[in-house]
Amino acid sequence: EDCRSRPLEDVFTTHFTLCQKPWECLPQDGNRIQERLCRKFHGEWYRVREDLETNVWGRKRVQLTNKEEVVEARGGGYQVEHFR
């Protein structure tokens, strides 16, 4: 079995050697198995980061479907569905 095709829910820990660090903002927008995996890992990292920022630091939560709101609140609109 190729571990890269496992559901994200089955993963308990990861190291970003293959995918690189999420804050480097690499799009990982190809369709190779490792890029699909990296999108999942980065997406989860950004979800957890957003939770920290809104619940601990008091940052405004935004709807990712409203790009104008995202740009105003976050200062950028690059692949907001991925980078949050």
Protein backbone atom coordinates (compact mmCIF):
# COMPACT_ATOMS: atom_id res chain seq x y z
CA GLU A 1 0.00 0.00 0.00
CA ASP A 2 1.23 3.48 -0.84
CA CYS A 3 1.04 5.45 2.41
CA ARG A 4 0.66 8.70 0.45
CA SER A 5 -2.87 7.66 -0.51
CA ARG A 6 -4.07 7.13 3.06
CA PRO A 7 -6.94 9.33 4.28
CA LEU A 8 -5.83 12.36 6.26
CA GLU A 9 -7.81 11.08 9.24
CA ASP A 10 -5.41 8.11 9.46
CA VAL A 11 -2.33 10.34 9.82
CA PHE A 12 -1.21 11.26 13.33
CA THR A 13 2.03 13.08 12.60
CA THR A 14 3.94 14.38 9.62
CA HIS A 15 7.24 15.99 8.76
CA PHE A 16 7.25 18.58 6.00
CA THR A 17 10.42 17.39 4.24
CA LEU A 18 8.56 16.25 1.13
CA CYS A 19 6.02 19.08 1.09
CA GLN A 20 8.21 21.86 2.48
CA LYS A 21 7.04 24.27 5.15
CA PRO A 22 3.46 25.57 4.78
CA TRP A 23 4.51 29.18 5.39
CA GLU A 24 6.67 29.10 2.25
CA CYS A 25 3.34 29.26 0.32
CA LEU A 26 4.22 26.71 -2.33
CA PRO A 27 0.96 26.11 -4.22
CA GLN A 28 1.24 22.30 -4.55
CA ASP A 29 -1.36 22.63 -7.30
CA GLY A 30 -0.30 19.72 -9.49
CA ASN A 31 -2.09 16.40 -9.67
CA ARG A 32 0.72 14.07 -8.62
CA ILE A 33 0.03 11.95 -5.55
CA GLN A 34 2.60 13.82 -3.44
CA GLU A 35 1.10 17.20 -4.37
CA ARG A 36 -2.38 16.00 -3.44
CA LEU A 37 -0.97 14.76 -0.14
CA CYS A 38 0.87 18.03 0.49
CA ARG A 39 -2.32 20.03 -0.16
CA LYS A 40 -4.04 17.96 2.52
CA PHE A 41 -1.20 18.44 5.02
CA HIS A 42 -0.85 22.15 4.33
CA GLY A 43 -4.61 22.62 4.44
CA GLU A 44 -4.76 20.99 7.86
CA TRP A 45 -1.81 23.05 9.10
CA TYR A 46 -3.54 26.26 8.00
CA ARG A 47 -6.84 25.11 9.54
CA VAL A 48 -5.12 24.58 12.90
CA ARG A 49 -3.23 27.87 12.55
CA GLU A 50 -6.46 29.73 11.78
CA ASP A 51 -8.08 28.15 14.84
CA LEU A 52 -5.18 29.34 17.01
CA GLU A 53 -5.31 32.86 15.58
CA THR A 54 -9.06 33.27 16.03
CA ASN A 55 -9.53 31.51 19.38
CA VAL A 56 -6.31 32.49 21.17
CA TRP A 57 -5.19 35.70 19.49
CA GLY A 58 -8.66 37.07 18.76
CA ARG A 59 -8.18 37.44 15.01
CA LYS A 60 -11.35 37.88 12.97
CA ARG A 61 -12.71 34.69 11.37
CA VAL A 62 -13.58 35.11 7.70
CA GLN A 63 -15.65 33.19 5.18
CA LEU A 64 -13.27 31.69 2.65
CA THR A 65 -15.91 32.02 -0.07
CA ASN A 66 -15.83 35.82 0.19
CA LYS A 67 -12.49 36.77 -1.38
CA GLU A 68 -12.93 40.50 -0.71
CA GLU A 69 -13.45 39.80 3.01
CA VAL A 70 -10.39 37.55 3.05
CA VAL A 71 -8.21 40.17 1.34
CA GLU A 72 -9.38 42.88 3.76
CA ALA A 73 -8.94 40.75 6.90
CA ARG A 74 -5.82 38.82 5.92
CA GLY A 75 -4.04 41.21 3.59
CA GLY A 76 -3.88 38.84 0.64
CA GLY A 77 -5.96 36.65 -1.59
CA TYR A 78 -3.55 34.07 -3.00
CA GLN A 79 -5.29 30.66 -3.12
CA VAL A 80 -7.39 31.45 -0.07
CA GLU A 81 -9.09 28.06 -0.08
CA HIS A 82 -5.65 26.53 0.49
CA PHE A 83 -3.74 29.13 2.51
CA ARG A 84 -6.73 30.47 4.49
